[in-house]
Amino acid sequence: MKSLLVAMDRNHVIGLNDDLPWYLPKDLRFFKEKTTGQTIIMGRKTFESIGKALPNRRNVVVSRKAGDFPDGVEIINDLSVVNDWNRQWPNKEYIIIGGGHIFEQAIKFADRMYITWIDEEFEGDTFFPEFNEKEWHLTSKVKGEKNEKNPYDYYFIQYDRQ
């Protein structure tokens, strides 16, 4: 299964200056729960913004440029490799975590989307692509807890492709 995992605001903003424009600890915990033990796939800029291989995950970076990546990071040139893996090992989940250009490519073949939707507007320079909701089935929508550390209304949403 090929899944997308993203947090975005009302306007599909997902980033600003290679970072998240918000701080939402419950979303970070959700990210960790969904990705631990899984293969995560990201673009080079996303990897550079994280700054290291995330522990207890298979870290894969999509990059056409040769770079100096640390141990524990695999490099692929093209997202089509993920489709090949999915055919070979269809019971595994491959989670694509960004950034914007990677999401634009991957949304065409993704089977599932995990979206933390933040009911707020932020300044941003990176966006999640628009998608046709008729192609997706809303599987779950859970309101996140709003408190002093998580100051926005937000929802954990799962869509599965129709």
C-alpha atoms as a PDB file:
ATOM      1  CA  MET A   1       0.000   0.000   0.000  1.00  0.00           C
ATOM      2  CA  LYS A   2       1.242   3.480  -0.886  1.00  0.00           C
ATOM      3  CA  SER A   3       0.133   6.113   1.600  1.00  0.00           C
ATOM      4  CA  LEU A   4       0.610   9.845   1.893  1.00  0.00           C
ATOM      5  CA  LEU A   5       1.046  11.382   5.338  1.00  0.00           C
ATOM      6  CA  VAL A   6       0.671  15.142   5.604  1.00  0.00           C
ATOM      7  CA  ALA A   7      -0.386  17.961   7.894  1.00  0.00           C
ATOM      8  CA  MET A   8      -1.951  20.939   6.148  1.00  0.00           C
ATOM      9  CA  ASP A   9      -4.003  24.024   6.810  1.00  0.00           C
ATOM     10  CA  ARG A  10      -7.275  25.146   5.190  1.00  0.00           C
ATOM     11  CA  ASN A  11      -5.381  26.376   2.113  1.00  0.00           C
ATOM     12  CA  HIS A  12      -3.283  23.205   1.715  1.00  0.00           C
ATOM     13  CA  VAL A  13      -0.182  24.929   3.159  1.00  0.00           C
ATOM     14  CA  ILE A  14       2.311  22.295   4.321  1.00  0.00           C
ATOM     15  CA  GLY A  15       5.499  24.298   4.735  1.00  0.00           C
ATOM     16  CA  LEU A  16       7.271  27.623   5.032  1.00  0.00           C
ATOM     17  CA  ASN A  17      11.011  28.071   4.528  1.00  0.00           C
ATOM     18  CA  ASP A  18      11.594  24.292   4.635  1.00  0.00           C
ATOM     19  CA  ASP A  19       9.846  23.929   7.993  1.00  0.00           C
ATOM     20  CA  LEU A  20       6.344  23.483   9.389  1.00  0.00           C
ATOM     21  CA  PRO A  21       4.548  26.811   9.919  1.00  0.00           C
ATOM     22  CA  TRP A  22       2.968  25.515  13.149  1.00  0.00           C
ATOM     23  CA  TYR A  23       3.856  23.495  16.198  1.00  0.00           C
ATOM     24  CA  LEU A  24       1.333  20.770  16.990  1.00  0.00           C
ATOM     25  CA  PRO A  25       2.747  18.092  19.338  1.00  0.00           C
ATOM     26  CA  LYS A  26      -0.261  15.767  18.909  1.00  0.00           C
ATOM     27  CA  ASP A  27       0.369  15.720  15.151  1.00  0.00           C
ATOM     28  CA  LEU A  28       4.047  14.934  15.730  1.00  0.00           C
ATOM     29  CA  ARG A  29       2.977  12.018  17.945  1.00  0.00           C
ATOM     30  CA  PHE A  30       0.533  10.851  15.243  1.00  0.00           C
ATOM     31  CA  PHE A  31       3.348  11.012  12.684  1.00  0.00           C
ATOM     32  CA  LYS A  32       5.596   8.910  14.904  1.00  0.00           C
ATOM     33  CA  GLU A  33       2.869   6.321  15.568  1.00  0.00           C
ATOM     34  CA  LYS A  34       2.063   5.948  11.857  1.00  0.00           C
ATOM     35  CA  THR A  35       5.663   5.779  10.623  1.00  0.00           C
ATOM     36  CA  THR A  36       7.567   3.802  13.266  1.00  0.00           C
ATOM     37  CA  GLY A  37       8.518   0.431  11.827  1.00  0.00           C
ATOM     38  CA  GLN A  38       7.530   1.514   8.303  1.00  0.00           C
ATOM     39  CA  THR A  39       9.297   2.652   5.149  1.00  0.00           C
ATOM     40  CA  ILE A  40       9.105   6.428   4.821  1.00  0.00           C
ATOM     41  CA  ILE A  41       9.802   8.126   1.510  1.00  0.00           C
ATOM     42  CA  MET A  42      10.618  11.803   1.164  1.00  0.00           C
ATOM     43  CA  GLY A  43      12.210  14.316  -1.153  1.00  0.00           C
ATOM     44  CA  ARG A  44      15.707  15.645  -0.590  1.00  0.00           C
ATOM     45  CA  LYS A  45      14.497  19.006   0.779  1.00  0.00           C
ATOM     46  CA  THR A  46      12.229  17.272   3.288  1.00  0.00           C
ATOM     47  CA  PHE A  47      15.121  15.102   4.406  1.00  0.00           C
ATOM     48  CA  GLU A  48      17.362  18.152   4.762  1.00  0.00           C
ATOM     49  CA  SER A  49      14.703  19.941   6.834  1.00  0.00           C
ATOM     50  CA  ILE A  50      14.501  16.923   9.171  1.00  0.00           C
ATOM     51  CA  GLY A  51      18.295  16.801   9.231  1.00  0.00           C
ATOM     52  CA  LYS A  52      18.798  13.109   9.974  1.00  0.00           C
ATOM     53  CA  ALA A  53      17.477   9.624   9.355  1.00  0.00           C
ATOM     54  CA  LEU A  54      14.470   9.040  11.592  1.00  0.00           C
ATOM     55  CA  PRO A  55      15.012   6.125  13.982  1.00  0.00           C
ATOM     56  CA  ASN A  56      13.137   2.824  13.745  1.00  0.00           C
ATOM     57  CA  ARG A  57      12.123   3.459  10.141  1.00  0.00           C
ATOM     58  CA  ARG A  58      13.487   2.654   6.713  1.00  0.00           C
ATOM     59  CA  ASN A  59      14.403   6.131   5.414  1.00  0.00           C
ATOM     60  CA  VAL A  60      14.247   6.561   1.635  1.00  0.00           C
ATOM     61  CA  VAL A  61      15.071   9.846  -0.120  1.00  0.00           C
ATOM     62  CA  VAL A  62      14.033  10.619  -3.679  1.00  0.00           C
ATOM     63  CA  SER A  63      16.821  12.617  -5.295  1.00  0.00           C
ATOM     64  CA  ARG A  64      18.329  12.954  -8.736  1.00  0.00           C
ATOM     65  CA  LYS A  65      21.376  14.701  -7.295  1.00  0.00           C
ATOM     66  CA  ALA A  66      24.202  12.772  -5.762  1.00  0.00           C
ATOM     67  CA  GLY A  67      24.558  13.926  -2.226  1.00  0.00           C
ATOM     68  CA  ASP A  68      26.231  13.165   1.022  1.00  0.00           C
ATOM     69  CA  PHE A  69      23.557  11.254   2.893  1.00  0.00           C
ATOM     70  CA  PRO A  70      24.215   9.628   6.261  1.00  0.00           C
ATOM     71  CA  ASP A  71      24.155   5.912   6.974  1.00  0.00           C
ATOM     72  CA  GLY A  72      20.656   4.555   7.243  1.00  0.00           C
ATOM     73  CA  VAL A  73      19.349   6.522   4.254  1.00  0.00           C
ATOM     74  CA  GLU A  74      18.556   4.876   0.916  1.00  0.00           C
ATOM     75  CA  ILE A  75      18.471   6.954  -2.254  1.00  0.00           C
ATOM     76  CA  ILE A  76      16.118   6.356  -5.168  1.00  0.00           C
ATOM     77  CA  ASN A  77      15.993   8.431  -8.357  1.00  0.00           C
ATOM     78  CA  ASP A  78      12.301   8.094  -9.068  1.00  0.00           C
ATOM     79  CA  LEU A  79       9.040   7.350  -7.246  1.00  0.00           C
ATOM     80  CA  SER A  80       8.265   4.535  -9.709  1.00  0.00           C
ATOM     81  CA  VAL A  81      10.546   2.383  -7.555  1.00  0.00           C
ATOM     82  CA  VAL A  82       7.852   2.531  -4.852  1.00  0.00           C
ATOM     83  CA  ASN A  83       5.329   1.023  -7.270  1.00  0.00           C
ATOM     84  CA  ASP A  84       7.803  -1.799  -7.986  1.00  0.00           C
ATOM     85  CA  TRP A  85       8.237  -2.454  -4.259  1.00  0.00           C
ATOM     86  CA  ASN A  86       4.485  -2.450  -3.801  1.00  0.00           C
ATOM     87  CA  ARG A  87       4.077  -5.122  -6.504  1.00  0.00           C
ATOM     88  CA  GLN A  88       6.793  -7.263  -4.899  1.00  0.00           C
ATOM     89  CA  TRP A  89       5.610  -6.812  -1.319  1.00  0.00           C
ATOM     90  CA  PRO A  90       1.931  -5.811  -1.500  1.00  0.00           C
ATOM     91  CA  ASN A  91       1.283  -6.301   2.216  1.00  0.00           C
ATOM     92  CA  LYS A  92       3.727  -3.577   3.256  1.00  0.00           C
ATOM     93  CA  GLU A  93       2.851   0.066   3.663  1.00  0.00           C
ATOM     94  CA  TYR A  94       5.099   2.671   2.062  1.00  0.00           C
ATOM     95  CA  ILE A  95       4.480   6.103   3.576  1.00  0.00           C
ATOM     96  CA  ILE A  96       5.320   9.180   1.539  1.00  0.00           C
ATOM     97  CA  ILE A  97       5.924  12.172   3.801  1.00  0.00           C
ATOM     98  CA  GLY A  98       6.670  15.015   1.399  1.00  0.00           C
ATOM     99  CA  GLY A  99       7.471  17.558   0.265  1.00  0.00           C
ATOM    100  CA  GLY A 100       5.222  19.362  -2.146  1.00  0.00           C
ATOM    101  CA  HIS A 101       6.755  18.098  -5.418  1.00  0.00           C
ATOM    102  CA  ILE A 102       6.823  14.521  -4.157  1.00  0.00           C
ATOM    103  CA  PHE A 103       3.162  14.750  -3.106  1.00  0.00           C
ATOM    104  CA  GLU A 104       2.248  16.115  -6.565  1.00  0.00           C
ATOM    105  CA  GLN A 105       3.752  13.023  -8.168  1.00  0.00           C
ATOM    106  CA  ALA A 106       2.582  10.479  -5.595  1.00  0.00           C
ATOM    107  CA  ILE A 107      -1.059  11.510  -5.259  1.00  0.00           C
ATOM    108  CA  LYS A 108      -1.692   9.997  -8.699  1.00  0.00           C
ATOM    109  CA  PHE A 109      -0.905   6.477  -7.474  1.00  0.00           C
ATOM    110  CA  ALA A 110      -1.489   6.638  -3.715  1.00  0.00           C
ATOM    111  CA  ASP A 111      -3.918   4.194  -2.120  1.00  0.00           C
ATOM    112  CA  ARG A 112      -4.423   6.068   1.153  1.00  0.00           C
ATOM    113  CA  MET A 113      -3.985   9.534   2.632  1.00  0.00           C
ATOM    114  CA  TYR A 114      -3.470  10.341   6.298  1.00  0.00           C
ATOM    115  CA  ILE A 115      -4.164  14.056   6.656  1.00  0.00           C
ATOM    116  CA  THR A 116      -3.904  16.177   9.753  1.00  0.00           C
ATOM    117  CA  TRP A 117      -6.179  19.008   8.700  1.00  0.00           C
ATOM    118  CA  ILE A 118      -5.616  22.169  10.719  1.00  0.00           C
ATOM    119  CA  ASP A 119      -8.601  24.528  10.740  1.00  0.00           C
ATOM    120  CA  GLU A 120      -6.425  27.612  10.506  1.00  0.00           C
ATOM    121  CA  GLU A 121      -4.611  29.650   7.845  1.00  0.00           C
ATOM    122  CA  PHE A 122      -0.836  30.001   7.834  1.00  0.00           C
ATOM    123  CA  GLU A 123       1.674  31.724   5.623  1.00  0.00           C
ATOM    124  CA  GLY A 124       3.357  29.152   3.419  1.00  0.00           C
ATOM    125  CA  ASP A 125       5.467  28.494   0.362  1.00  0.00           C
ATOM    126  CA  THR A 126       4.814  24.771  -0.036  1.00  0.00           C
ATOM    127  CA  PHE A 127       1.409  23.240  -0.679  1.00  0.00           C
ATOM    128  CA  PHE A 128      -0.320  19.874  -0.801  1.00  0.00           C
ATOM    129  CA  PRO A 129      -1.917  19.361  -4.229  1.00  0.00           C
ATOM    130  CA  GLU A 130      -5.644  19.742  -4.743  1.00  0.00           C
ATOM    131  CA  PHE A 131      -7.381  16.387  -5.094  1.00  0.00           C
ATOM    132  CA  ASN A 132     -10.753  15.212  -6.314  1.00  0.00           C
ATOM    133  CA  GLU A 133     -12.631  14.031  -3.224  1.00  0.00           C
ATOM    134  CA  LYS A 134     -14.881  11.895  -5.459  1.00  0.00           C
ATOM    135  CA  GLU A 135     -11.870   9.615  -6.036  1.00  0.00           C
ATOM    136  CA  TRP A 136     -11.472   9.103  -2.295  1.00  0.00           C
ATOM    137  CA  HIS A 137     -13.566   7.508   0.432  1.00  0.00           C
ATOM    138  CA  LEU A 138     -13.500   9.222   3.831  1.00  0.00           C
ATOM    139  CA  THR A 139     -12.580   6.317   6.113  1.00  0.00           C
ATOM    140  CA  SER A 140     -12.230   8.206   9.382  1.00  0.00           C
ATOM    141  CA  LYS A 141     -12.241  11.706  10.832  1.00  0.00           C
ATOM    142  CA  VAL A 142     -11.264  12.260  14.454  1.00  0.00           C
ATOM    143  CA  LYS A 143     -11.093  15.664  16.113  1.00  0.00           C
ATOM    144  CA  GLY A 144      -7.785  16.281  17.836  1.00  0.00           C
ATOM    145  CA  GLU A 145      -7.571  17.610  21.358  1.00  0.00           C
ATOM    146  CA  LYS A 146      -7.167  21.379  21.511  1.00  0.00           C
ATOM    147  CA  ASN A 147      -5.206  22.648  24.521  1.00  0.00           C
ATOM    148  CA  GLU A 148      -2.425  25.065  25.468  1.00  0.00           C
ATOM    149  CA  LYS A 149       0.197  22.975  23.633  1.00  0.00           C
ATOM    150  CA  ASN A 150      -2.048  22.213  20.633  1.00  0.00           C
ATOM    151  CA  PRO A 151      -3.735  25.602  20.151  1.00  0.00           C
ATOM    152  CA  TYR A 152      -5.634  24.944  16.894  1.00  0.00           C
ATOM    153  CA  ASP A 153      -8.725  23.010  15.927  1.00  0.00           C
ATOM    154  CA  TYR A 154      -7.475  20.038  13.911  1.00  0.00           C
ATOM    155  CA  TYR A 155      -8.646  16.669  12.635  1.00  0.00           C
ATOM    156  CA  PHE A 156      -6.960  13.377  11.835  1.00  0.00           C
ATOM    157  CA  ILE A 157      -8.509  12.291   8.548  1.00  0.00           C
ATOM    158  CA  GLN A 158      -8.013   9.120   6.564  1.00  0.00           C
ATOM    159  CA  TYR A 159      -9.020   8.749   2.931  1.00  0.00           C
ATOM    160  CA  ASP A 160      -8.796   5.536   0.935  1.00  0.00           C
ATOM    161  CA  ARG A 161      -8.919   5.567  -2.838  1.00  0.00           C
ATOM    162  CA  GLN A 162     -12.337   4.521  -4.240  1.00  0.00           C
END
